[in-house]
PDB file of N, CA and C in Angstrom:
ATOM      1  N   MET A   1     -11.323  -8.114  -9.965  1.00  0.00           N
ATOM      2  CA  MET A   1     -11.124  -7.786  -8.575  1.00  0.00           C
ATOM      3  C   MET A   1     -10.995  -6.266  -8.458  1.00  0.00           C
ATOM      4  N   PRO A   2     -11.555  -5.678  -7.409  1.00  0.00           N
ATOM      5  CA  PRO A   2     -11.473  -4.223  -7.242  1.00  0.00           C
ATOM      6  C   PRO A   2     -10.028  -3.729  -7.104  1.00  0.00           C
ATOM      7  N   LEU A   3      -9.844  -2.490  -7.516  1.00  0.00           N
ATOM      8  CA  LEU A   3      -8.535  -1.834  -7.478  1.00  0.00           C
ATOM      9  C   LEU A   3      -8.610  -0.690  -6.467  1.00  0.00           C
ATOM     10  N   PHE A   4      -7.575  -0.569  -5.632  1.00  0.00           N
ATOM     11  CA  PHE A   4      -7.558   0.438  -4.576  1.00  0.00           C
ATOM     12  C   PHE A   4      -6.251   1.228  -4.608  1.00  0.00           C
ATOM     13  N   MET A   5      -6.342   2.482  -4.167  1.00  0.00           N
ATOM     14  CA  MET A   5      -5.168   3.330  -3.956  1.00  0.00           C
ATOM     15  C   MET A   5      -5.232   3.774  -2.505  1.00  0.00           C
ATOM     16  N   ASP A   6      -4.154   3.509  -1.769  1.00  0.00           N
ATOM     17  CA  ASP A   6      -4.120   4.000  -0.396  1.00  0.00           C
ATOM     18  C   ASP A   6      -3.077   5.092  -0.255  1.00  0.00           C
ATOM     19  N   VAL A   7      -3.228   5.870   0.820  1.00  0.00           N
ATOM     20  CA  VAL A   7      -2.361   7.022   1.066  1.00  0.00           C
ATOM     21  C   VAL A   7      -1.845   6.939   2.502  1.00  0.00           C
ATOM     22  N   HIS A   8      -0.536   6.965   2.630  1.00  0.00           N
ATOM     23  CA  HIS A   8       0.125   7.037   3.928  1.00  0.00           C
ATOM     24  C   HIS A   8       0.720   8.437   4.030  1.00  0.00           C
ATOM     25  N   ARG A   9       0.414   9.145   5.089  1.00  0.00           N
ATOM     26  CA  ARG A   9       0.910  10.514   5.265  1.00  0.00           C
ATOM     27  C   ARG A   9       1.884  10.577   6.432  1.00  0.00           C
ATOM     28  N   ASN A  10       2.696  11.625   6.444  1.00  0.00           N
ATOM     29  CA  ASN A  10       3.670  11.845   7.520  1.00  0.00           C
ATOM     30  C   ASN A  10       4.638  10.676   7.660  1.00  0.00           C
ATOM     31  N   VAL A  11       5.065  10.156   6.523  1.00  0.00           N
ATOM     32  CA  VAL A  11       6.019   9.048   6.499  1.00  0.00           C
ATOM     33  C   VAL A  11       7.421   9.625   6.656  1.00  0.00           C
ATOM     34  N   ASP A  12       8.076   9.242   7.711  1.00  0.00           N
ATOM     35  CA  ASP A  12       9.442   9.697   7.979  1.00  0.00           C
ATOM     36  C   ASP A  12      10.374   8.525   7.680  1.00  0.00           C
ATOM     37  N   ALA A  13      10.695   8.368   6.403  1.00  0.00           N
ATOM     38  CA  ALA A  13      11.495   7.220   5.972  1.00  0.00           C
ATOM     39  C   ALA A  13      12.290   7.595   4.730  1.00  0.00           C
ATOM     40  N   SER A  14      13.352   6.851   4.507  1.00  0.00           N
ATOM     41  CA  SER A  14      14.149   7.031   3.291  1.00  0.00           C
ATOM     42  C   SER A  14      13.503   6.225   2.163  1.00  0.00           C
ATOM     43  N   PRO A  15      13.894   6.511   0.921  1.00  0.00           N
ATOM     44  CA  PRO A  15      13.392   5.699  -0.186  1.00  0.00           C
ATOM     45  C   PRO A  15      13.708   4.210   0.001  1.00  0.00           C
ATOM     46  N   GLU A  16      14.860   3.911   0.578  1.00  0.00           N
ATOM     47  CA  GLU A  16      15.248   2.513   0.798  1.00  0.00           C
ATOM     48  C   GLU A  16      14.351   1.856   1.848  1.00  0.00           C
ATOM     49  N   GLU A  17      13.989   2.606   2.877  1.00  0.00           N
ATOM     50  CA  GLU A  17      13.091   2.068   3.906  1.00  0.00           C
ATOM     51  C   GLU A  17      11.686   1.832   3.354  1.00  0.00           C
ATOM     52  N   VAL A  18      11.221   2.736   2.502  1.00  0.00           N
ATOM     53  CA  VAL A  18       9.911   2.560   1.871  1.00  0.00           C
ATOM     54  C   VAL A  18       9.940   1.340   0.956  1.00  0.00           C
ATOM     55  N   ALA A  19      11.007   1.168   0.195  1.00  0.00           N
ATOM     56  CA  ALA A  19      11.138  -0.003  -0.678  1.00  0.00           C
ATOM     57  C   ALA A  19      11.143  -1.295   0.144  1.00  0.00           C
ATOM     58  N   ALA A  20      11.813  -1.292   1.282  1.00  0.00           N
ATOM     59  CA  ALA A  20      11.857  -2.474   2.147  1.00  0.00           C
ATOM     60  C   ALA A  20      10.465  -2.786   2.711  1.00  0.00           C
ATOM     61  N   ALA A  21       9.718  -1.759   3.088  1.00  0.00           N
ATOM     62  CA  ALA A  21       8.353  -1.964   3.580  1.00  0.00           C
ATOM     63  C   ALA A  21       7.475  -2.541   2.483  1.00  0.00           C
ATOM     64  N   HIS A  22       7.622  -2.029   1.262  1.00  0.00           N
ATOM     65  CA  HIS A  22       6.850  -2.558   0.131  1.00  0.00           C
ATOM     66  C   HIS A  22       7.187  -4.032  -0.096  1.00  0.00           C
ATOM     67  N   GLN A  23       8.445  -4.386   0.014  1.00  0.00           N
ATOM     68  CA  GLN A  23       8.846  -5.787  -0.157  1.00  0.00           C
ATOM     69  C   GLN A  23       8.175  -6.677   0.894  1.00  0.00           C
ATOM     70  N   LYS A  24       8.070  -6.188   2.118  1.00  0.00           N
ATOM     71  CA  LYS A  24       7.388  -6.955   3.170  1.00  0.00           C
ATOM     72  C   LYS A  24       5.910  -7.133   2.841  1.00  0.00           C
ATOM     73  N   ASP A  25       5.283  -6.097   2.270  1.00  0.00           N
ATOM     74  CA  ASP A  25       3.888  -6.231   1.834  1.00  0.00           C
ATOM     75  C   ASP A  25       3.763  -7.326   0.780  1.00  0.00           C
ATOM     76  N   LEU A  26       4.690  -7.330  -0.180  1.00  0.00           N
ATOM     77  CA  LEU A  26       4.649  -8.348  -1.236  1.00  0.00           C
ATOM     78  C   LEU A  26       4.776  -9.749  -0.659  1.00  0.00           C
ATOM     79  N   GLU A  27       5.588  -9.897   0.372  1.00  0.00           N
ATOM     80  CA  GLU A  27       5.787 -11.208   0.988  1.00  0.00           C
ATOM     81  C   GLU A  27       4.551 -11.675   1.754  1.00  0.00           C
ATOM     82  N   ALA A  28       3.724 -10.754   2.243  1.00  0.00           N
ATOM     83  CA  ALA A  28       2.552 -11.101   3.051  1.00  0.00           C
ATOM     84  C   ALA A  28       1.245 -11.099   2.269  1.00  0.00           C
ATOM     85  N   GLN A  29       1.233 -10.586   1.045  1.00  0.00           N
ATOM     86  CA  GLN A  29      -0.022 -10.324   0.336  1.00  0.00           C
ATOM     87  C   GLN A  29      -0.831 -11.561  -0.038  1.00  0.00           C
ATOM     88  N   ASP A  30      -0.179 -12.660  -0.347  1.00  0.00           N
ATOM     89  CA  ASP A  30      -0.908 -13.837  -0.829  1.00  0.00           C
ATOM     90  C   ASP A  30      -1.896 -14.385   0.194  1.00  0.00           C
ATOM     91  N   GLU A  31      -1.577 -14.257   1.466  1.00  0.00           N
ATOM     92  CA  GLU A  31      -2.452 -14.788   2.516  1.00  0.00           C
ATOM     93  C   GLU A  31      -3.837 -14.141   2.481  1.00  0.00           C
ATOM     94  N   TYR A  32      -3.917 -12.897   1.982  1.00  0.00           N
ATOM     95  CA  TYR A  32      -5.175 -12.157   1.964  1.00  0.00           C
ATOM     96  C   TYR A  32      -5.715 -11.922   0.553  1.00  0.00           C
ATOM     97  N   ASP A  33      -5.153 -12.623  -0.441  1.00  0.00           N
ATOM     98  CA  ASP A  33      -5.589 -12.497  -1.836  1.00  0.00           C
ATOM     99  C   ASP A  33      -5.465 -11.053  -2.332  1.00  0.00           C
ATOM    100  N   VAL A  34      -4.346 -10.420  -1.967  1.00  0.00           N
ATOM    101  CA  VAL A  34      -4.059  -9.044  -2.358  1.00  0.00           C
ATOM    102  C   VAL A  34      -2.896  -9.052  -3.343  1.00  0.00           C
ATOM    103  N   ASP A  35      -2.923  -8.124  -4.292  1.00  0.00           N
ATOM    104  CA  ASP A  35      -1.833  -7.978  -5.260  1.00  0.00           C
ATOM    105  C   ASP A  35      -1.405  -6.515  -5.294  1.00  0.00           C
ATOM    106  N   PHE A  36      -0.335  -6.193  -4.555  1.00  0.00           N
ATOM    107  CA  PHE A  36       0.199  -4.833  -4.592  1.00  0.00           C
ATOM    108  C   PHE A  36       0.894  -4.643  -5.934  1.00  0.00           C
ATOM    109  N   LYS A  37       0.409  -3.690  -6.716  1.00  0.00           N
ATOM    110  CA  LYS A  37       0.884  -3.466  -8.080  1.00  0.00           C
ATOM    111  C   LYS A  37       2.103  -2.544  -8.132  1.00  0.00           C
ATOM    112  N   GLN A  38       2.022  -1.442  -7.382  1.00  0.00           N
ATOM    113  CA  GLN A  38       3.057  -0.419  -7.470  1.00  0.00           C
ATOM    114  C   GLN A  38       2.880   0.538  -6.308  1.00  0.00           C
ATOM    115  N   TYR A  39       3.949   1.261  -5.991  1.00  0.00           N
ATOM    116  CA  TYR A  39       3.838   2.323  -5.002  1.00  0.00           C
ATOM    117  C   TYR A  39       4.595   3.544  -5.519  1.00  0.00           C
ATOM    118  N   TRP A  40       4.250   4.699  -4.968  1.00  0.00           N
ATOM    119  CA  TRP A  40       4.914   5.947  -5.271  1.00  0.00           C
ATOM    120  C   TRP A  40       5.252   6.616  -3.945  1.00  0.00           C
ATOM    121  N   PHE A  41       6.393   7.293  -3.895  1.00  0.00           N
ATOM    122  CA  PHE A  41       6.850   7.936  -2.675  1.00  0.00           C
ATOM    123  C   PHE A  41       7.176   9.386  -2.970  1.00  0.00           C
ATOM    124  N   ASP A  42       6.531  10.296  -2.259  1.00  0.00           N
ATOM    125  CA  ASP A  42       6.841  11.721  -2.329  1.00  0.00           C
ATOM    126  C   ASP A  42       7.617  12.048  -1.055  1.00  0.00           C
ATOM    127  N   GLU A  43       8.924  12.007  -1.154  1.00  0.00           N
ATOM    128  CA  GLU A  43       9.775  12.181   0.023  1.00  0.00           C
ATOM    129  C   GLU A  43       9.618  13.575   0.625  1.00  0.00           C
ATOM    130  N   ASP A  44       9.460  14.600  -0.206  1.00  0.00           N
ATOM    131  CA  ASP A  44       9.316  15.964   0.291  1.00  0.00           C
ATOM    132  C   ASP A  44       8.048  16.129   1.130  1.00  0.00           C
ATOM    133  N   GLU A  45       6.976  15.469   0.728  1.00  0.00           N
ATOM    134  CA  GLU A  45       5.700  15.568   1.443  1.00  0.00           C
ATOM    135  C   GLU A  45       5.531  14.467   2.495  1.00  0.00           C
ATOM    136  N   GLY A  46       6.424  13.477   2.482  1.00  0.00           N
ATOM    137  CA  GLY A  46       6.293  12.363   3.416  1.00  0.00           C
ATOM    138  C   GLY A  46       5.048  11.547   3.142  1.00  0.00           C
ATOM    139  N   ALA A  47       4.764  11.293   1.868  1.00  0.00           N
ATOM    140  CA  ALA A  47       3.555  10.564   1.479  1.00  0.00           C
ATOM    141  C   ALA A  47       3.922   9.350   0.626  1.00  0.00           C
ATOM    142  N   VAL A  48       3.228   8.257   0.898  1.00  0.00           N
ATOM    143  CA  VAL A  48       3.378   7.036   0.103  1.00  0.00           C
ATOM    144  C   VAL A  48       1.993   6.654  -0.406  1.00  0.00           C
ATOM    145  N   PHE A  49       1.931   6.267  -1.683  1.00  0.00           N
ATOM    146  CA  PHE A  49       0.692   5.858  -2.327  1.00  0.00           C
ATOM    147  C   PHE A  49       0.885   4.429  -2.826  1.00  0.00           C
ATOM    148  N   CYS A  50      -0.037   3.540  -2.478  1.00  0.00           N
ATOM    149  CA  CYS A  50       0.063   2.130  -2.880  1.00  0.00           C
ATOM    150  C   CYS A  50      -1.144   1.762  -3.731  1.00  0.00           C
ATOM    151  N   LEU A  51      -0.896   1.124  -4.857  1.00  0.00           N
ATOM    152  CA  LEU A  51      -1.953   0.637  -5.737  1.00  0.00           C
ATOM    153  C   LEU A  51      -2.031  -0.868  -5.576  1.00  0.00           C
ATOM    154  N   PHE A  52      -3.244  -1.371  -5.276  1.00  0.00           N
ATOM    155  CA  PHE A  52      -3.386  -2.813  -5.090  1.00  0.00           C
ATOM    156  C   PHE A  52      -4.766  -3.308  -5.500  1.00  0.00           C
ATOM    157  N   GLU A  53      -4.802  -4.571  -5.919  1.00  0.00           N
ATOM    158  CA  GLU A  53      -6.055  -5.274  -6.158  1.00  0.00           C
ATOM    159  C   GLU A  53      -6.320  -6.147  -4.944  1.00  0.00           C
ATOM    160  N   ALA A  54      -7.594  -6.206  -4.552  1.00  0.00           N
ATOM    161  CA  ALA A  54      -7.962  -6.997  -3.387  1.00  0.00           C
ATOM    162  C   ALA A  54      -9.470  -7.233  -3.397  1.00  0.00           C
ATOM    163  N   PRO A  55      -9.915  -8.233  -2.658  1.00  0.00           N
ATOM    164  CA  PRO A  55     -11.364  -8.456  -2.574  1.00  0.00           C
ATOM    165  C   PRO A  55     -12.091  -7.271  -1.952  1.00  0.00           C
ATOM    166  N   ASP A  56     -11.419  -6.576  -1.011  1.00  0.00           N
ATOM    167  CA  ASP A  56     -11.967  -5.388  -0.370  1.00  0.00           C
ATOM    168  C   ASP A  56     -10.816  -4.606   0.255  1.00  0.00           C
ATOM    169  N   LYS A  57     -11.091  -3.378   0.664  1.00  0.00           N
ATOM    170  CA  LYS A  57     -10.015  -2.536   1.198  1.00  0.00           C
ATOM    171  C   LYS A  57      -9.457  -3.077   2.503  1.00  0.00           C
ATOM    172  N   GLU A  58     -10.284  -3.785   3.262  1.00  0.00           N
ATOM    173  CA  GLU A  58      -9.830  -4.347   4.529  1.00  0.00           C
ATOM    174  C   GLU A  58      -8.707  -5.361   4.340  1.00  0.00           C
ATOM    175  N   ALA A  59      -8.728  -6.070   3.233  1.00  0.00           N
ATOM    176  CA  ALA A  59      -7.651  -7.033   2.953  1.00  0.00           C
ATOM    177  C   ALA A  59      -6.318  -6.311   2.795  1.00  0.00           C
ATOM    178  N   GLY A  60      -6.315  -5.184   2.111  1.00  0.00           N
ATOM    179  CA  GLY A  60      -5.093  -4.391   1.986  1.00  0.00           C
ATOM    180  C   GLY A  60      -4.618  -3.869   3.325  1.00  0.00           C
ATOM    181  N   GLU A  61      -5.556  -3.437   4.164  1.00  0.00           N
ATOM    182  CA  GLU A  61      -5.200  -2.971   5.509  1.00  0.00           C
ATOM    183  C   GLU A  61      -4.543  -4.086   6.312  1.00  0.00           C
ATOM    184  N   LYS A  62      -5.077  -5.295   6.192  1.00  0.00           N
ATOM    185  CA  LYS A  62      -4.525  -6.429   6.938  1.00  0.00           C
ATOM    186  C   LYS A  62      -3.092  -6.728   6.513  1.00  0.00           C
ATOM    187  N   VAL A  63      -2.829  -6.658   5.212  1.00  0.00           N
ATOM    188  CA  VAL A  63      -1.461  -6.900   4.738  1.00  0.00           C
ATOM    189  C   VAL A  63      -0.513  -5.867   5.320  1.00  0.00           C
ATOM    190  N   HIS A  64      -0.862  -4.588   5.198  1.00  0.00           N
ATOM    191  CA  HIS A  64      -0.002  -3.533   5.752  1.00  0.00           C
ATOM    192  C   HIS A  64       0.220  -3.740   7.250  1.00  0.00           C
ATOM    193  N   SER A  65      -0.851  -4.029   7.960  1.00  0.00           N
ATOM    194  CA  SER A  65      -0.767  -4.188   9.411  1.00  0.00           C
ATOM    195  C   SER A  65       0.149  -5.342   9.792  1.00  0.00           C
ATOM    196  N   GLU A  66      -0.030  -6.477   9.123  1.00  0.00           N
ATOM    197  CA  GLU A  66       0.771  -7.661   9.428  1.00  0.00           C
ATOM    198  C   GLU A  66       2.228  -7.496   8.991  1.00  0.00           C
ATOM    199  N   ALA A  67       2.425  -6.950   7.809  1.00  0.00           N
ATOM    200  CA  ALA A  67       3.771  -6.901   7.226  1.00  0.00           C
ATOM    201  C   ALA A  67       4.644  -5.814   7.844  1.00  0.00           C
ATOM    202  N   THR A  68       4.051  -4.639   8.081  1.00  0.00           N
ATOM    203  CA  THR A  68       4.883  -3.499   8.504  1.00  0.00           C
ATOM    204  C   THR A  68       4.325  -2.729   9.688  1.00  0.00           C
ATOM    205  N   GLY A  69       3.053  -2.910   9.973  1.00  0.00           N
ATOM    206  CA  GLY A  69       2.414  -2.113  11.012  1.00  0.00           C
ATOM    207  C   GLY A  69       2.058  -0.707  10.549  1.00  0.00           C
ATOM    208  N   LEU A  70       2.295  -0.406   9.271  1.00  0.00           N
ATOM    209  CA  LEU A  70       2.015   0.926   8.722  1.00  0.00           C
ATOM    210  C   LEU A  70       0.619   0.941   8.113  1.00  0.00           C
ATOM    211  N   ILE A  71      -0.281   1.676   8.725  1.00  0.00           N
ATOM    212  CA  ILE A  71      -1.669   1.727   8.280  1.00  0.00           C
ATOM    213  C   ILE A  71      -1.896   2.998   7.470  1.00  0.00           C
ATOM    214  N   ALA A  72      -2.606   2.859   6.357  1.00  0.00           N
ATOM    215  CA  ALA A  72      -2.915   4.008   5.503  1.00  0.00           C
ATOM    216  C   ALA A  72      -3.990   4.882   6.138  1.00  0.00           C
ATOM    217  N   GLU A  73      -3.856   6.190   5.960  1.00  0.00           N
ATOM    218  CA  GLU A  73      -4.872   7.124   6.443  1.00  0.00           C
ATOM    219  C   GLU A  73      -6.111   7.122   5.555  1.00  0.00           C
ATOM    220  N   GLU A  74      -5.904   6.815   4.268  1.00  0.00           N
ATOM    221  CA  GLU A  74      -7.011   6.810   3.308  1.00  0.00           C
ATOM    222  C   GLU A  74      -6.870   5.598   2.393  1.00  0.00           C
ATOM    223  N   ILE A  75      -8.001   5.027   2.002  1.00  0.00           N
ATOM    224  CA  ILE A  75      -8.026   3.986   0.972  1.00  0.00           C
ATOM    225  C   ILE A  75      -9.208   4.293   0.059  1.00  0.00           C
ATOM    226  N   HIS A  76      -8.928   4.384  -1.238  1.00  0.00           N
ATOM    227  CA  HIS A  76      -9.954   4.724  -2.220  1.00  0.00           C
ATOM    228  C   HIS A  76     -10.067   3.610  -3.248  1.00  0.00           C
ATOM    229  N   GLU A  77     -11.277   3.193  -3.552  1.00  0.00           N
ATOM    230  CA  GLU A  77     -11.475   2.288  -4.685  1.00  0.00           C
ATOM    231  C   GLU A  77     -11.361   3.134  -5.937  1.00  0.00           C
ATOM    232  N   VAL A  78     -10.570   2.690  -6.894  1.00  0.00           N
ATOM    233  CA  VAL A  78     -10.295   3.471  -8.110  1.00  0.00           C
ATOM    234  C   VAL A  78     -10.568   2.640  -9.353  1.00  0.00           C
ATOM    235  N   GLN A  79     -10.702   3.323 -10.466  1.00  0.00           N
ATOM    236  CA  GLN A  79     -10.875   2.706 -11.787  1.00  0.00           C
ATOM    237  C   GLN A  79      -9.670   3.079 -12.638  1.00  0.00           C
ATOM    238  N   ARG A  80      -9.212   2.161 -13.449  1.00  0.00           N
ATOM    239  CA  ARG A  80      -8.112   2.478 -14.375  1.00  0.00           C
ATOM    240  C   ARG A  80      -8.611   3.446 -15.436  1.00  0.00           C
ATOM    241  N   GLY A  81      -7.803   4.467 -15.679  1.00  0.00           N
ATOM    242  CA  GLY A  81      -8.116   5.408 -16.748  1.00  0.00           C
ATOM    243  C   GLY A  81      -7.370   4.992 -18.020  1.00  0.00           C
ATOM    244  N   THR A  82      -7.715   5.650 -19.096  1.00  0.00           N
ATOM    245  CA  THR A  82      -7.035   5.339 -20.353  1.00  0.00           C
ATOM    246  C   THR A  82      -6.064   6.429 -20.712  1.00  0.00           C
TER     247      THR A  82
END
């Protein structure tokens, strides 16, 4: 299954709020055959990065939209490096 990295910018949230949003994504992901693997939060820059497997990037967008209403500004298909 393809692997994607999305980027949320201008996030005005605490680390706890970002963790809670990620938990909501995990609760909604199965409906769209998405597997959110991990996220990273740069609090100083207000940026969140989410790594997920999905049939396509639109499936990841649907999970974010349904679970939190937070839509990523960018979604990139990525390959695992060694």
